[in-house]
Amino acid sequence: MENGATAARTAVIVAIDGPSGTGKSSTSRAVAAQLGLSYLDTGAQYRAMTWWMISNGVDVRDPAAVATAAGKPVLVSGTDPADPAITVDGVDAAGPIRTQEVTSAVSAVSAVPEVRAVITELQRSIASAAASSRGIVVEGRDIGTTVLPDADVKIFLTASPEARAARRSGELKGTEAADVAATREALIKRDAADSSRKTSPLAKAGDAVEVDTTDLTLRQVIDRVVSLVEEKRAGR
């Protein structure tokens, strides 16, 4: 009886949304590891789809071509926060999906409804499996609003464009990426694209807790999210 109660208490579904550079991935992975939950980086799935499109000669600027190809690649996402692997047709894609070429095209590919339908179904399947075991932290842009509207805990991370640009410039390699001003403009452009797309735009769910990470350390953000999850568990 006690084991069943413990499992039910542990199996919490946490949705963490927000734009790039807010500390979403680092926070989500750390929270999942600390609480013993699975972890899913949904942005990596859209990047993987984009990488497959580019690698297979699909014109990512042509929504019709992208839609036609959306069901072809086989994406497999690992859910271990210590090693969130992702493969496409059996090929390790963790490195290739982080290139500038993919970054520049991912918003366009992600805006295609057929792409979102395929990946949303995959995400729900992964979350459903995790819900029956230890629970999961799912990070993305439309998790709390579209993918998992019934998530137990919903967090929306924000930060000033300047703080986000500084963080992303520090993460990215090369002289071009080190240009904070250029990175800031790229982030704002992507925000606009993701927030204005017709299908599942980047948005804060009405019942999400907003956490502004601009002046917080990563540890402070992690502690804040962990406390919100623990509060939810205690209230069950």
Protein backbone atom coordinates (compact mmCIF):
# COMPACT_ATOMS: atom_id res chain seq x y z
CA MET A 1 0.00 0.00 0.00
CA GLU A 2 2.79 2.32 0.96
CA ASN A 3 4.67 1.64 -2.28
CA GLY A 4 1.56 2.44 -4.33
CA ALA A 5 1.02 5.68 -2.42
CA THR A 6 4.65 6.65 -2.93
CA ALA A 7 4.45 5.99 -6.66
CA ALA A 8 1.25 8.05 -6.95
CA ARG A 9 2.87 10.90 -5.07
CA THR A 10 5.99 10.76 -7.23
CA ALA A 11 4.26 10.55 -10.63
CA VAL A 12 3.80 14.27 -11.13
CA ILE A 13 3.64 15.86 -14.58
CA VAL A 14 5.51 19.16 -14.76
CA ALA A 15 5.24 21.48 -17.80
CA ILE A 16 7.93 24.14 -18.16
CA ASP A 17 7.46 26.61 -21.00
CA GLY A 18 9.18 29.79 -22.11
CA PRO A 19 11.34 31.33 -24.82
CA SER A 20 15.02 30.58 -25.46
CA GLY A 21 17.63 31.81 -23.00
CA THR A 22 15.44 31.74 -19.90
CA GLY A 23 17.27 28.76 -18.39
CA LYS A 24 14.52 26.34 -19.41
CA SER A 25 16.66 23.33 -20.32
CA SER A 26 19.15 23.62 -17.46
CA THR A 27 16.33 24.13 -14.97
CA SER A 28 14.17 21.32 -16.32
CA ARG A 29 16.97 18.77 -16.36
CA ALA A 30 18.11 19.68 -12.86
CA VAL A 31 14.59 19.60 -11.43
CA ALA A 32 13.94 16.19 -13.02
CA ALA A 33 17.21 14.82 -11.66
CA GLN A 34 16.63 16.22 -8.17
CA LEU A 35 13.08 14.88 -7.93
CA GLY A 36 13.75 11.54 -9.63
CA LEU A 37 11.54 12.31 -12.62
CA SER A 38 11.94 11.60 -16.33
CA TYR A 39 12.77 14.53 -18.63
CA LEU A 40 11.71 15.50 -22.15
CA ASP A 41 13.19 18.30 -24.24
CA THR A 42 10.47 18.92 -26.83
CA GLY A 43 12.52 21.61 -28.55
CA ALA A 44 15.08 18.92 -29.42
CA GLN A 45 12.33 16.99 -31.17
CA TYR A 46 11.46 19.94 -33.40
CA ARG A 47 15.16 20.47 -34.05
CA ALA A 48 15.53 16.80 -34.94
CA MET A 49 12.64 17.05 -37.39
CA THR A 50 14.22 20.16 -38.90
CA TRP A 51 17.63 18.49 -39.20
CA TRP A 52 16.04 15.50 -40.95
CA MET A 53 14.26 17.82 -43.41
CA ILE A 54 17.50 19.67 -44.24
CA SER A 55 19.49 16.42 -44.50
CA ASN A 56 16.93 14.91 -46.86
CA GLY A 57 16.69 17.88 -49.21
CA VAL A 58 13.24 19.08 -48.12
CA ASP A 59 12.77 22.80 -48.71
CA VAL A 60 12.11 24.03 -45.17
CA ARG A 61 10.70 27.27 -46.60
CA ASP A 62 7.93 25.34 -48.34
CA PRO A 63 5.21 24.43 -45.79
CA ALA A 64 3.57 22.00 -48.21
CA ALA A 65 6.81 20.07 -48.73
CA VAL A 66 7.46 20.00 -44.98
CA ALA A 67 3.91 18.81 -44.30
CA THR A 68 4.22 15.98 -46.81
CA ALA A 69 7.45 14.74 -45.20
CA ALA A 70 6.42 15.21 -41.55
CA GLY A 71 5.43 11.60 -40.97
CA LYS A 72 8.56 10.05 -42.45
CA PRO A 73 11.35 10.40 -39.85
CA VAL A 74 11.35 8.16 -36.77
CA LEU A 75 12.24 10.22 -33.69
CA VAL A 76 13.21 8.52 -30.43
CA SER A 77 13.75 10.68 -27.35
CA GLY A 78 15.61 9.50 -24.27
CA THR A 79 14.08 10.65 -20.97
CA ASP A 80 17.07 10.36 -18.66
CA PRO A 81 17.88 13.91 -17.41
CA ALA A 82 21.54 12.92 -17.13
CA ASP A 83 21.67 11.87 -20.78
CA PRO A 84 18.72 13.22 -22.83
CA ALA A 85 19.59 11.42 -26.06
CA ILE A 86 17.67 11.80 -29.30
CA THR A 87 17.92 9.75 -32.47
CA VAL A 88 16.44 10.17 -35.93
CA ASP A 89 16.00 6.96 -37.92
CA GLY A 90 18.42 5.34 -35.48
CA VAL A 91 21.12 8.01 -35.91
CA ASP A 92 22.35 10.03 -32.91
CA ALA A 93 21.19 13.59 -33.57
CA ALA A 94 22.14 15.28 -30.29
CA GLY A 95 25.03 17.19 -31.88
CA PRO A 96 23.75 17.96 -35.40
CA ILE A 97 20.47 19.50 -34.17
CA ARG A 98 22.35 22.32 -32.42
CA THR A 99 23.90 23.84 -35.54
CA GLN A 100 23.09 27.38 -36.66
CA GLU A 101 21.54 25.99 -39.84
CA VAL A 102 18.97 24.08 -37.79
CA THR A 103 18.45 26.99 -35.39
CA SER A 104 17.65 29.30 -38.30
CA ALA A 105 15.07 26.93 -39.77
CA VAL A 106 13.39 25.37 -36.73
CA SER A 107 10.71 28.07 -36.28
CA ALA A 108 9.52 27.67 -39.87
CA VAL A 109 9.36 23.88 -39.62
CA SER A 110 7.71 24.03 -36.19
CA ALA A 111 4.96 26.29 -37.53
CA VAL A 112 3.69 23.62 -39.94
CA PRO A 113 0.55 22.05 -38.41
CA GLU A 114 1.36 18.56 -39.68
CA VAL A 115 4.74 18.69 -37.95
CA ARG A 116 3.17 19.81 -34.69
CA ALA A 117 0.53 17.06 -34.92
CA VAL A 118 3.15 14.33 -35.33
CA ILE A 119 5.40 15.59 -32.55
CA THR A 120 2.57 16.47 -30.15
CA GLU A 121 1.29 12.89 -30.41
CA LEU A 122 4.79 11.61 -29.66
CA GLN A 123 5.13 13.94 -26.67
CA ARG A 124 1.80 12.89 -25.20
CA SER A 125 2.72 9.23 -25.60
CA ILE A 126 6.00 9.74 -23.73
CA ALA A 127 4.31 11.76 -20.98
CA SER A 128 1.54 9.17 -20.61
CA ALA A 129 4.07 6.38 -20.13
CA ALA A 130 5.93 8.45 -17.55
CA ALA A 131 2.71 9.33 -15.71
CA SER A 132 2.15 5.67 -14.92
CA SER A 133 5.62 5.34 -13.43
CA ARG A 134 7.72 8.09 -11.87
CA GLY A 135 6.43 11.24 -13.59
CA ILE A 136 8.18 13.65 -15.94
CA VAL A 137 9.33 17.21 -16.51
CA VAL A 138 8.45 18.32 -20.05
CA GLU A 139 9.95 21.54 -21.38
CA GLY A 140 8.95 23.47 -24.46
CA ARG A 141 6.83 26.35 -25.72
CA ASP A 142 3.29 24.98 -25.80
CA ILE A 143 3.33 22.22 -23.19
CA GLY A 144 1.04 23.82 -20.62
CA THR A 145 -1.33 25.24 -23.23
CA THR A 146 -1.58 22.53 -25.90
CA VAL A 147 0.42 19.36 -25.33
CA LEU A 148 -0.35 18.70 -21.65
CA PRO A 149 -3.07 21.14 -20.59
CA ASP A 150 -3.84 18.94 -17.57
CA ALA A 151 -0.23 18.92 -16.26
CA ASP A 152 -0.02 18.93 -12.46
CA VAL A 153 2.39 21.86 -12.35
CA LYS A 154 2.84 24.52 -15.03
CA ILE A 155 5.77 26.94 -15.02
CA PHE A 156 6.45 29.74 -17.51
CA LEU A 157 10.02 31.05 -17.40
CA THR A 158 10.81 34.57 -18.61
CA ALA A 159 13.85 36.86 -18.64
CA SER A 160 14.82 40.17 -20.22
CA PRO A 161 16.06 40.02 -23.83
CA GLU A 162 19.46 41.28 -22.65
CA ALA A 163 19.86 38.53 -20.05
CA ARG A 164 18.72 35.87 -22.50
CA ALA A 165 21.10 37.07 -25.19
CA ALA A 166 24.03 37.10 -22.77
CA ARG A 167 23.26 33.52 -21.74
CA ARG A 168 22.86 32.24 -25.27
CA SER A 169 26.03 33.98 -26.43
CA GLY A 170 27.86 32.26 -23.61
CA GLU A 171 26.42 28.88 -24.59
CA LEU A 172 27.08 29.17 -28.31
CA LYS A 173 30.51 28.87 -29.91
CA GLY A 174 32.23 31.05 -32.51
CA THR A 175 32.73 34.78 -33.07
CA GLU A 176 29.31 35.32 -34.60
CA ALA A 177 27.55 33.77 -31.62
CA ALA A 178 29.63 35.91 -29.26
CA ASP A 179 27.97 39.02 -30.63
CA VAL A 180 25.37 39.60 -27.91
CA ALA A 181 23.52 42.26 -29.89
CA ALA A 182 23.09 39.93 -32.87
CA THR A 183 22.00 37.12 -30.56
CA ARG A 184 19.45 39.42 -28.91
CA GLU A 185 17.96 40.34 -32.29
CA ALA A 186 17.81 36.67 -33.29
CA LEU A 187 16.02 35.77 -30.07
CA ILE A 188 13.47 38.56 -30.50
CA LYS A 189 12.86 37.48 -34.09
CA ARG A 190 12.30 33.87 -33.03
CA ASP A 191 10.01 34.97 -30.18
CA ALA A 192 7.88 36.85 -32.70
CA ALA A 193 7.73 33.85 -35.04
CA ASP A 194 6.89 31.37 -32.27
CA SER A 195 4.35 33.64 -30.58
CA SER A 196 2.48 34.52 -33.77
CA ARG A 197 2.22 31.11 -35.44
CA LYS A 198 -1.35 29.93 -35.87
CA THR A 199 -0.83 26.44 -34.49
CA SER A 200 0.11 26.14 -30.80
CA PRO A 201 1.97 29.44 -30.38
CA LEU A 202 4.42 30.17 -27.59
CA ALA A 203 2.16 31.34 -24.78
CA LYS A 204 1.77 31.26 -21.01
CA ALA A 205 -1.05 29.02 -19.80
CA GLY A 206 -3.64 30.81 -17.69
CA ASP A 207 -2.85 28.61 -14.68
CA ALA A 208 0.94 28.66 -15.06
CA VAL A 209 3.23 30.23 -12.47
CA GLU A 210 5.52 32.81 -14.10
CA VAL A 211 9.12 32.89 -12.90
CA ASP A 212 11.31 35.78 -14.07
CA THR A 213 14.87 34.44 -14.16
CA THR A 214 16.58 37.71 -15.16
CA ASP A 215 18.14 38.38 -11.76
CA LEU A 216 18.17 34.82 -10.43
CA THR A 217 20.99 32.30 -10.41
CA LEU A 218 20.31 28.91 -11.96
CA ARG A 219 20.28 27.39 -8.48
CA GLN A 220 17.63 29.86 -7.34
CA VAL A 221 15.42 29.06 -10.32
CA ILE A 222 15.78 25.32 -9.73
CA ASP A 223 14.92 25.71 -6.04
CA ARG A 224 11.86 27.81 -6.93
CA VAL A 225 10.53 25.21 -9.35
CA VAL A 226 11.28 22.31 -7.00
CA SER A 227 9.36 24.07 -4.22
CA LEU A 228 6.35 24.56 -6.53
CA VAL A 229 6.35 20.86 -7.42
CA GLU A 230 6.71 19.81 -3.79
CA GLU A 231 3.86 22.14 -2.80
CA LYS A 232 1.67 20.43 -5.41
CA ARG A 233 2.63 17.00 -4.13
CA ALA A 234 1.90 17.97 -0.55
CA GLY A 235 -1.51 19.27 -1.52
CA ARG A 236 -2.66 16.02 -3.13
